[in-house]
């Protein structure tokens, strides 16, 4: 396998909607008879993609007459390669096929078609409590989980103290796991998986259950694992964690790989696909969500939802938000700018007094000069009614994006780092010692 530890070739996974296996003896017999005659599985001609938001009746390939209409490709023609010691991020929307892919790599389920070549021992943490028995104590589950991962009792015992210390669950080590919180289970499960020295460590979104302190420890541990020449596959909706940890990433959409490359570019690709193109369909949170209708977002007079406006660094920036208030309420519009890692750069509020009104409005936010350095930025908008604390509010994330161009000048210097460019002066004094 040369320097590759994982090679995935044309992996596909098919499910029948609403059923376990194919659901009927007739379908199983049809597939068996096709194999006996050397023919292709008749269900493999299914063309329905893994679009969880669409109804089958709205699928142009769905007729409602054929039994194959019930089949869907959870994954379709997946190809990628992972080098030894690489940390690969796998990102995508809910239902894109990330967990299915990891279950195939972990040998929990088999692919419908395709081939996977693995060179090493795998440890995986895919769901809270994976491989744990609720009636056994934390100590007993460490040995059980380690044995499942192929470790000997002596190997587990030699790592026991490190596992317990890292998990922070020493007080409850001899307590049945059924009395653990979900966060404590994740702590213990990750500690076992990370300390038993697998060649490949697979981690799904489970770290989201842990607290901030433990997530930071986990990121550091995965960086240490990669630094020792082992491989990590990391799935997360925390784009900041993906950006910090992963050198390469793949983006999944509707069961297919739509991008494979450098993590920074993968996050930009994911962000652009995630931006809602139809603001009337975007998700609004908060008590005022029913009263607010977003209509358009423009950056320097260019739509930020139908394209990606390009701005010269250091020039002025004008973000225009057009919206409708369906009820007569006091309302202050707010704007946030975020990075590809979903970190908030700044939030600004409309400079106006509260007054009750309804109808269509345009709020403009002027930033001059624009302090943002080259990169891709996301736009988040919303507003509130009443005092800033204890108010009613509405908020929509990632409703648009824009790009600060890679153009350098004396005011935007390449050697500086960070998200924003600040004006500064400096001097140097010679000190006699």
Protein backbone atom coordinates (compact mmCIF):
# COMPACT_ATOMS: atom_id res chain seq x y z
CA UNK A 1 0.00 0.00 0.00
CA UNK A 2 3.09 2.25 -0.25
CA UNK A 3 2.67 5.12 2.25
CA UNK A 4 -1.15 4.89 2.30
CA UNK A 5 -2.80 3.39 5.36
CA UNK A 6 -6.36 3.64 3.98
CA UNK A 7 -7.42 3.28 0.35
CA UNK A 8 -11.11 3.58 -0.51
CA UNK A 9 -12.16 2.67 -4.04
CA UNK A 10 -15.69 3.14 -5.41
CA UNK A 11 -17.40 2.48 -2.08
CA UNK A 12 -21.21 2.58 -2.20
CA UNK A 13 -23.80 1.71 0.42
CA UNK A 14 -27.44 1.07 -0.39
CA UNK A 15 -30.41 0.95 1.98
CA UNK A 16 -34.07 0.16 1.52
CA UNK A 17 -36.15 2.93 3.07
CA UNK A 18 -38.15 1.88 6.12
CA UNK A 19 -36.78 -1.67 6.15
CA UNK A 20 -34.09 -3.87 7.68
CA UNK A 21 -32.14 -5.67 4.91
CA UNK A 22 -34.27 -5.71 1.75
CA UNK A 23 -37.46 -6.21 3.78
CA UNK A 24 -38.93 -9.06 1.70
CA UNK A 25 -37.99 -12.62 0.77
CA UNK A 26 -38.88 -11.84 -2.85
CA UNK A 27 -36.21 -9.13 -3.06
CA UNK A 28 -33.61 -11.40 -1.46
CA UNK A 29 -34.47 -14.19 -3.92
CA UNK A 30 -34.23 -11.80 -6.88
CA UNK A 31 -30.77 -10.68 -5.79
CA UNK A 32 -29.65 -14.29 -5.17
CA UNK A 33 -30.94 -15.42 -8.58
CA UNK A 34 -29.13 -12.55 -10.28
CA UNK A 35 -25.86 -13.53 -8.58
CA UNK A 36 -26.35 -17.21 -9.55
CA UNK A 37 -26.69 -16.23 -13.22
CA UNK A 38 -23.70 -13.91 -13.04
CA UNK A 39 -25.93 -10.86 -13.47
CA UNK A 40 -25.77 -7.52 -11.69
CA UNK A 41 -27.83 -7.04 -8.54
CA UNK A 42 -31.12 -5.58 -9.90
CA UNK A 43 -31.28 -2.99 -7.09
CA UNK A 44 -27.91 -1.46 -8.04
CA UNK A 45 -29.54 0.42 -10.92
CA UNK A 46 -31.27 2.65 -8.37
CA UNK A 47 -30.51 6.33 -8.98
CA UNK A 48 -32.09 7.95 -5.91
CA UNK A 49 -29.51 10.10 -4.12
CA UNK A 50 -29.27 10.55 -0.37
CA UNK A 51 -31.23 13.82 -0.14
CA UNK A 52 -32.91 13.59 3.26
CA UNK A 53 -35.01 16.75 2.73
CA UNK A 54 -36.85 15.61 -0.41
CA UNK A 55 -39.94 13.44 -0.55
CA UNK A 56 -39.78 10.35 -2.73
CA UNK A 57 -42.80 11.59 -4.66
CA UNK A 58 -40.83 14.72 -5.61
CA UNK A 59 -37.86 12.71 -6.93
CA UNK A 60 -37.90 12.70 -10.76
CA UNK A 61 -36.63 9.11 -10.69
CA UNK A 62 -39.44 7.95 -8.41
CA UNK A 63 -42.45 6.40 -10.14
CA UNK A 64 -44.17 4.71 -7.22
CA UNK A 65 -44.67 1.60 -9.35
CA UNK A 66 -41.40 -0.30 -9.02
CA UNK A 67 -40.03 -1.98 -5.91
CA UNK A 68 -36.64 -0.37 -6.61
CA UNK A 69 -38.20 3.01 -5.83
CA UNK A 70 -37.74 2.15 -2.14
CA UNK A 71 -33.93 1.93 -2.44
CA UNK A 72 -31.54 4.83 -1.87
CA UNK A 73 -27.77 5.28 -2.05
CA UNK A 74 -26.53 6.38 1.39
CA UNK A 75 -23.04 6.51 -0.18
CA UNK A 76 -22.22 6.45 -3.88
CA UNK A 77 -18.82 5.98 -5.56
CA UNK A 78 -16.64 7.21 -2.69
CA UNK A 79 -12.92 7.39 -3.48
CA UNK A 80 -10.13 8.78 -1.30
CA UNK A 81 -6.76 7.89 0.17
CA UNK A 82 -5.26 8.59 3.60
CA UNK A 83 -1.52 8.70 4.20
CA UNK A 84 0.06 7.24 7.31
CA UNK A 85 0.20 9.86 10.08
CA UNK A 86 -2.35 12.11 8.39
CA UNK A 87 -5.32 13.70 10.17
CA UNK A 88 -8.29 13.67 7.80
CA UNK A 89 -11.42 15.72 8.47
CA UNK A 90 -14.77 14.51 7.13
CA UNK A 91 -17.38 17.27 7.00
CA UNK A 92 -20.86 17.69 5.58
CA UNK A 93 -24.46 18.36 6.51
CA UNK A 94 -26.49 15.99 8.71
CA UNK A 95 -27.43 12.97 6.61
CA UNK A 96 -24.59 13.46 4.11
CA UNK A 97 -23.23 9.95 4.81
CA UNK A 98 -20.38 10.68 7.25
CA UNK A 99 -21.37 8.17 9.94
CA UNK A 100 -22.20 5.50 7.35
CA UNK A 101 -18.71 5.90 5.89
CA UNK A 102 -17.08 5.58 9.31
CA UNK A 103 -19.12 2.46 10.13
CA UNK A 104 -17.90 0.87 6.90
CA UNK A 105 -14.28 1.79 7.71
CA UNK A 106 -14.75 0.38 11.23
CA UNK A 107 -16.14 -2.86 9.74
CA UNK A 108 -19.44 -2.46 11.58
CA UNK A 109 -21.27 -2.74 8.29
CA UNK A 110 -20.17 -3.87 4.84
CA UNK A 111 -20.27 -1.77 1.68
CA UNK A 112 -22.72 -2.73 -1.07
CA UNK A 113 -20.03 -2.25 -3.71
CA UNK A 114 -16.40 -1.22 -3.75
CA UNK A 115 -13.25 -2.11 -1.87
CA UNK A 116 -11.38 -0.82 1.19
CA UNK A 117 -7.74 -1.59 1.96
CA UNK A 118 -6.57 -0.94 5.51
CA UNK A 119 -3.07 -1.40 6.86
CA UNK A 120 -3.29 -1.41 10.64
CA UNK A 121 -5.42 -1.78 13.74
CA UNK A 122 -8.49 0.48 14.06
CA UNK A 123 -10.03 2.02 17.18
CA UNK A 124 -13.29 3.91 16.73
CA UNK A 125 -15.57 6.05 18.84
CA UNK A 126 -18.72 6.51 16.79
CA UNK A 127 -21.53 6.89 19.34
CA UNK A 128 -21.87 7.63 23.05
CA UNK A 129 -21.35 4.33 24.89
CA UNK A 130 -20.02 2.38 21.91
CA UNK A 131 -18.76 -0.99 23.20
CA UNK A 132 -19.74 -0.23 26.82
CA UNK A 133 -22.00 -2.44 28.95
CA UNK A 134 -24.18 -0.35 31.29
CA UNK A 135 -24.16 -2.94 34.10
CA UNK A 136 -20.37 -3.17 34.24
CA UNK A 137 -18.20 -0.67 36.12
CA UNK A 138 -15.96 1.85 34.44
CA UNK A 139 -12.90 -0.30 35.20
CA UNK A 140 -14.52 -3.44 33.76
CA UNK A 141 -15.63 -1.54 30.66
CA UNK A 142 -12.07 -0.36 30.04
CA UNK A 143 -10.93 -3.99 29.85
CA UNK A 144 -14.00 -4.99 27.78
CA UNK A 145 -13.54 -2.14 25.32
CA UNK A 146 -9.84 -2.77 25.02
CA UNK A 147 -10.44 -6.47 24.35
CA UNK A 148 -12.95 -5.57 21.62
CA UNK A 149 -10.23 -3.43 20.02
CA UNK A 150 -7.85 -6.41 20.02
CA UNK A 151 -5.67 -5.57 23.02
CA UNK A 152 -4.38 -8.14 25.49
CA UNK A 153 -5.19 -7.89 29.18
CA UNK A 154 -1.55 -7.08 29.95
CA UNK A 155 -1.51 -4.22 27.44
CA UNK A 156 -4.69 -2.74 28.89
CA UNK A 157 -3.41 -3.03 32.46
CA UNK A 158 -0.19 -1.21 31.53
CA UNK A 159 -2.23 1.74 30.20
CA UNK A 160 -4.94 1.73 32.86
CA UNK A 161 -3.60 4.58 35.00
CA UNK A 162 -3.10 6.86 31.97
CA UNK A 163 -6.62 6.11 30.69
CA UNK A 164 -8.24 6.87 34.04
CA UNK A 165 -6.22 10.06 34.59
CA UNK A 166 -7.04 11.41 31.12
CA UNK A 167 -10.75 10.65 31.46
CA UNK A 168 -11.07 12.46 34.80
CA UNK A 169 -13.44 9.74 36.05
CA UNK A 170 -11.24 8.22 38.77
CA UNK A 171 -13.85 8.77 41.50
CA UNK A 172 -16.44 6.74 39.59
CA UNK A 173 -14.13 4.03 38.22
CA UNK A 174 -15.85 1.24 40.17
CA UNK A 175 -19.39 2.55 39.58
CA UNK A 176 -21.65 0.93 36.94
CA UNK A 177 -21.54 2.90 33.70
CA UNK A 178 -25.35 3.15 33.67
CA UNK A 179 -24.94 5.78 36.41
CA UNK A 180 -22.52 7.86 34.30
CA UNK A 181 -23.65 10.97 32.45
CA UNK A 182 -23.31 10.90 28.67
CA UNK A 183 -20.33 13.23 28.96
CA UNK A 184 -18.56 10.89 31.40
CA UNK A 185 -19.17 7.93 29.08
CA UNK A 186 -17.59 9.86 26.20
CA UNK A 187 -14.64 10.81 28.39
CA UNK A 188 -13.97 7.19 29.28
CA UNK A 189 -14.62 5.88 25.77
CA UNK A 190 -12.29 8.38 24.11
CA UNK A 191 -9.60 7.73 26.72
CA UNK A 192 -9.66 4.00 25.98
CA UNK A 193 -9.62 4.48 22.19
CA UNK A 194 -6.80 7.06 22.26
CA UNK A 195 -4.49 5.31 24.73
CA UNK A 196 -4.53 1.79 23.32
CA UNK A 197 -2.24 2.85 20.46
CA UNK A 198 -4.31 2.02 17.37
CA UNK A 199 -2.80 2.62 13.95
CA UNK A 200 -6.03 4.35 12.91
CA UNK A 201 -8.23 6.34 15.30
CA UNK A 202 -11.76 7.15 14.08
CA UNK A 203 -13.72 9.77 16.02
CA UNK A 204 -17.27 10.81 15.16
CA UNK A 205 -19.22 13.82 16.48
CA UNK A 206 -19.38 12.32 20.00
CA UNK A 207 -16.90 14.90 21.36
CA UNK A 208 -19.70 17.49 21.11
CA UNK A 209 -21.16 15.88 24.25
CA UNK A 210 -18.07 16.67 26.30
CA UNK A 211 -17.38 19.96 28.03
CA UNK A 212 -15.02 22.60 26.63
CA UNK A 213 -12.09 21.55 28.83
CA UNK A 214 -12.33 17.91 27.72
CA UNK A 215 -12.76 18.83 24.05
CA UNK A 216 -9.52 20.80 24.26
CA UNK A 217 -7.77 17.79 25.83
CA UNK A 218 -9.12 15.53 23.07
CA UNK A 219 -7.86 17.83 20.31
CA UNK A 220 -4.45 17.88 21.94
CA UNK A 221 -4.44 14.09 22.32
CA UNK A 222 -5.38 13.56 18.66
CA UNK A 223 -2.56 15.91 17.65
CA UNK A 224 -0.18 13.81 19.79
CA UNK A 225 -1.50 10.60 18.19
CA UNK A 226 -0.87 12.04 14.71
CA UNK A 227 2.57 13.26 15.79
CA UNK A 228 3.48 9.67 16.65
CA UNK A 229 2.85 8.61 13.06
CA UNK A 230 -0.66 7.25 13.59
CA UNK A 231 -3.69 8.23 11.53
CA UNK A 232 -6.84 10.04 12.69
CA UNK A 233 -10.20 10.34 10.90
CA UNK A 234 -12.21 13.13 12.52
CA UNK A 235 -15.88 13.95 11.90
CA UNK A 236 -17.24 17.12 13.47
CA UNK A 237 -19.61 20.03 12.88
CA UNK A 238 -17.18 22.20 14.85
CA UNK A 239 -15.36 23.79 11.93
CA UNK A 240 -12.87 25.47 14.26
CA UNK A 241 -11.77 22.07 15.62
CA UNK A 242 -11.49 20.67 12.10
CA UNK A 243 -9.39 23.66 11.02
CA UNK A 244 -7.06 23.29 14.04
CA UNK A 245 -6.63 19.52 13.83
CA UNK A 246 -6.88 18.39 10.19
CA UNK A 247 -4.41 19.01 7.37
CA UNK A 248 -6.65 17.42 4.72
CA UNK A 249 -10.45 17.12 4.56
CA UNK A 250 -13.18 15.69 2.38
CA UNK A 251 -16.66 17.20 2.02
CA UNK A 252 -19.63 14.86 1.64
CA UNK A 253 -22.97 15.88 0.15
CA UNK A 254 -25.89 13.52 -0.49
CA UNK A 255 -23.61 10.50 -0.15
CA UNK A 256 -20.92 11.69 -2.56
CA UNK A 257 -17.49 13.30 -2.17
CA UNK A 258 -17.80 16.82 -3.55
CA UNK A 259 -14.37 18.06 -2.42
CA UNK A 260 -11.09 16.40 -1.39
CA UNK A 261 -8.13 18.59 -0.54
CA UNK A 262 -6.56 21.04 1.89
CA UNK A 263 -8.75 21.69 4.96
CA UNK A 264 -8.88 25.48 4.50
CA UNK A 265 -10.24 25.05 0.97
CA UNK A 266 -12.60 22.29 2.13
CA UNK A 267 -14.11 24.58 4.76
CA UNK A 268 -14.59 27.32 2.18
CA UNK A 269 -16.27 24.83 -0.16
CA UNK A 270 -18.53 23.56 2.62
CA UNK A 271 -19.45 27.08 3.70
CA UNK A 272 -20.37 28.10 0.17
CA UNK A 273 -22.61 25.04 -0.26
CA UNK A 274 -24.14 25.52 3.19
CA UNK A 275 -25.22 29.11 2.54
CA UNK A 276 -28.96 29.16 1.85
CA UNK A 277 -29.67 30.34 -1.68
CA UNK A 278 -33.33 31.03 -0.85
CA UNK A 279 -33.57 33.33 2.15
CA UNK A 280 -37.30 32.60 2.51
CA UNK A 281 -36.30 29.01 3.39
CA UNK A 282 -33.48 29.82 5.82
CA UNK A 283 -33.85 28.74 9.44
CA UNK A 284 -34.52 31.50 11.97
CA UNK A 285 -34.19 30.87 15.69
CA UNK A 286 -35.68 32.84 18.56
CA UNK A 287 -39.00 34.19 19.79
CA UNK A 288 -39.25 36.74 16.95
CA UNK A 289 -38.57 34.18 14.20
CA UNK A 290 -42.24 34.16 13.17
CA UNK A 291 -42.24 37.95 12.75
CA UNK A 292 -39.07 38.29 10.65
CA UNK A 293 -38.71 37.49 6.93
CA UNK A 294 -35.28 37.94 5.34
CA UNK A 295 -35.44 39.06 1.70
CA UNK A 296 -31.91 39.88 0.54
CA UNK A 297 -28.32 40.31 1.73
CA UNK A 298 -25.98 42.50 -0.34
CA UNK A 299 -22.33 43.36 0.16
CA UNK A 300 -21.15 46.51 -1.65
CA UNK A 301 -24.31 46.29 -3.80
CA UNK A 302 -23.63 42.66 -4.85
CA UNK A 303 -25.85 39.78 -3.68
CA UNK A 304 -24.17 37.67 -0.99
CA UNK A 305 -26.61 34.77 -1.45
CA UNK A 306 -26.51 34.30 -5.22
CA UNK A 307 -22.74 34.59 -5.45
CA UNK A 308 -19.70 35.58 -3.43
CA UNK A 309 -18.80 39.29 -3.60
CA UNK A 310 -15.06 39.96 -3.79
CA UNK A 311 -13.74 42.91 -1.78
CA UNK A 312 -10.32 44.55 -1.96
CA UNK A 313 -8.73 44.46 1.53
CA UNK A 314 -8.65 47.76 3.37
CA UNK A 315 -11.49 49.31 1.35
CA UNK A 316 -14.91 50.23 2.73
CA UNK A 317 -17.54 47.57 3.32
CA UNK A 318 -21.31 48.06 3.19
CA UNK A 319 -23.60 45.18 4.14
CA UNK A 320 -27.25 45.74 3.27
CA UNK A 321 -29.97 43.61 4.87
CA UNK A 322 -33.50 43.78 3.48
CA UNK A 323 -36.21 42.18 5.62
CA UNK A 324 -39.90 42.30 6.45
CA UNK A 325 -41.49 42.64 9.89
CA UNK A 326 -44.90 40.96 9.69
CA UNK A 327 -46.02 42.37 13.05
CA UNK A 328 -45.72 45.85 14.52
CA UNK A 329 -42.84 45.42 16.95
CA UNK A 330 -39.80 47.40 18.13
CA UNK A 331 -36.78 45.92 16.36
CA UNK A 332 -33.00 46.51 16.16
CA UNK A 333 -31.16 44.73 13.34
CA UNK A 334 -27.79 43.06 14.05
CA UNK A 335 -25.00 41.80 11.82
CA UNK A 336 -22.22 39.31 12.56
CA UNK A 337 -19.23 38.40 10.44
CA UNK A 338 -17.69 34.95 10.92
CA UNK A 339 -14.71 32.99 9.60
CA UNK A 340 -14.64 29.65 7.83
CA UNK A 341 -14.09 28.03 11.22
CA UNK A 342 -17.41 29.50 12.40
CA UNK A 343 -15.60 31.77 14.85
CA UNK A 344 -17.28 35.15 15.28
CA UNK A 345 -15.03 38.04 14.22
CA UNK A 346 -17.39 40.81 15.33
CA UNK A 347 -21.05 41.69 15.85
CA UNK A 348 -22.48 45.17 15.25
CA UNK A 349 -25.92 46.62 15.96
CA UNK A 350 -28.07 49.04 14.05
CA UNK A 351 -27.51 52.60 15.24
CA UNK A 352 -31.11 53.63 15.76
CA UNK A 353 -33.65 53.93 18.54
CA UNK A 354 -36.32 51.33 19.14
CA UNK A 355 -39.72 52.07 17.67
CA UNK A 356 -42.68 49.84 16.82
CA UNK A 357 -43.20 49.27 13.11
CA UNK A 358 -44.14 46.68 10.51
CA UNK A 359 -43.40 46.42 6.79
CA UNK A 360 -40.28 46.06 4.61
CA UNK A 361 -37.03 47.69 5.76
CA UNK A 362 -33.40 47.97 4.63
CA UNK A 363 -30.67 48.20 7.27
CA UNK A 364 -27.20 49.20 6.07
CA UNK A 365 -24.01 48.60 8.02
CA UNK A 366 -20.95 50.65 7.00
CA UNK A 367 -17.43 49.50 7.94
CA UNK A 368 -14.80 51.95 6.76
CA UNK A 369 -12.00 51.08 6.49
CA UNK A 370 -12.61 47.36 6.33
CA UNK A 371 -10.17 45.66 8.77
CA UNK A 372 -10.60 42.08 7.49
CA UNK A 373 -7.61 40.28 6.06
CA UNK A 374 -7.83 38.09 2.91
CA UNK A 375 -10.12 35.07 3.28
CA UNK A 376 -13.72 33.86 3.06
CA UNK A 377 -16.24 35.22 5.57
CA UNK A 378 -19.81 34.25 6.45
CA UNK A 379 -22.69 36.60 7.23
CA UNK A 380 -25.13 36.07 10.12
CA UNK A 381 -28.08 38.42 10.71
CA UNK A 382 -30.89 38.89 13.18
CA UNK A 383 -32.24 41.36 15.65
CA UNK A 384 -33.88 41.94 19.00
CA UNK A 385 -36.72 43.79 20.63
CA UNK A 386 -36.27 45.53 23.95
CA UNK A 387 -33.12 45.90 26.07
CA UNK A 388 -30.10 43.86 25.02
CA UNK A 389 -30.40 41.67 28.12
CA UNK A 390 -33.60 39.69 28.55
CA UNK A 391 -34.98 40.73 25.15
CA UNK A 392 -36.93 38.87 22.50
CA UNK A 393 -34.77 38.00 19.51
CA UNK A 394 -34.44 36.27 16.13
CA UNK A 395 -31.27 34.99 14.47
CA UNK A 396 -30.22 33.31 11.21
CA UNK A 397 -26.72 31.86 10.72
CA UNK A 398 -24.73 31.71 7.48
CA UNK A 399 -27.19 33.55 5.25
CA UNK A 400 -24.48 34.88 2.94
CA UNK A 401 -20.75 35.03 2.30
CA UNK A 402 -18.11 37.25 0.77
CA UNK A 403 -14.40 37.14 0.05
CA UNK A 404 -11.61 39.53 0.92
CA UNK A 405 -9.26 39.20 -2.03
CA UNK A 406 -5.65 38.04 -1.83
CA UNK A 407 -4.25 41.46 -2.70
CA UNK A 408 -1.38 42.77 -0.61
CA UNK A 409 -0.23 46.31 0.07
CA UNK A 410 1.69 48.28 2.66
CA UNK A 411 -1.46 48.51 4.80
CA UNK A 412 -2.32 44.78 4.45
CA UNK A 413 0.98 43.01 4.94
CA UNK A 414 1.48 39.34 4.07
CA UNK A 415 3.81 38.73 7.01
CA UNK A 416 1.17 39.73 9.56
CA UNK A 417 -1.22 37.03 10.76
CA UNK A 418 -4.73 36.88 12.18
CA UNK A 419 -8.23 37.70 11.03
CA UNK A 420 -8.17 41.50 11.20
CA UNK A 421 -5.60 44.09 10.25
CA UNK A 422 -4.97 46.74 12.91
CA UNK A 423 -3.24 50.08 12.52
CA UNK A 424 -0.20 50.31 14.73
CA UNK A 425 3.16 51.98 15.17
CA UNK A 426 6.23 50.72 16.94
CA UNK A 427 9.67 51.87 17.94
CA UNK A 428 12.82 50.27 19.30
CA UNK A 429 15.13 51.50 22.04
CA UNK A 430 18.65 50.46 22.66
CA UNK A 431 19.20 49.56 26.30
CA UNK A 432 22.64 49.45 27.91
CA UNK A 433 22.95 46.43 30.18
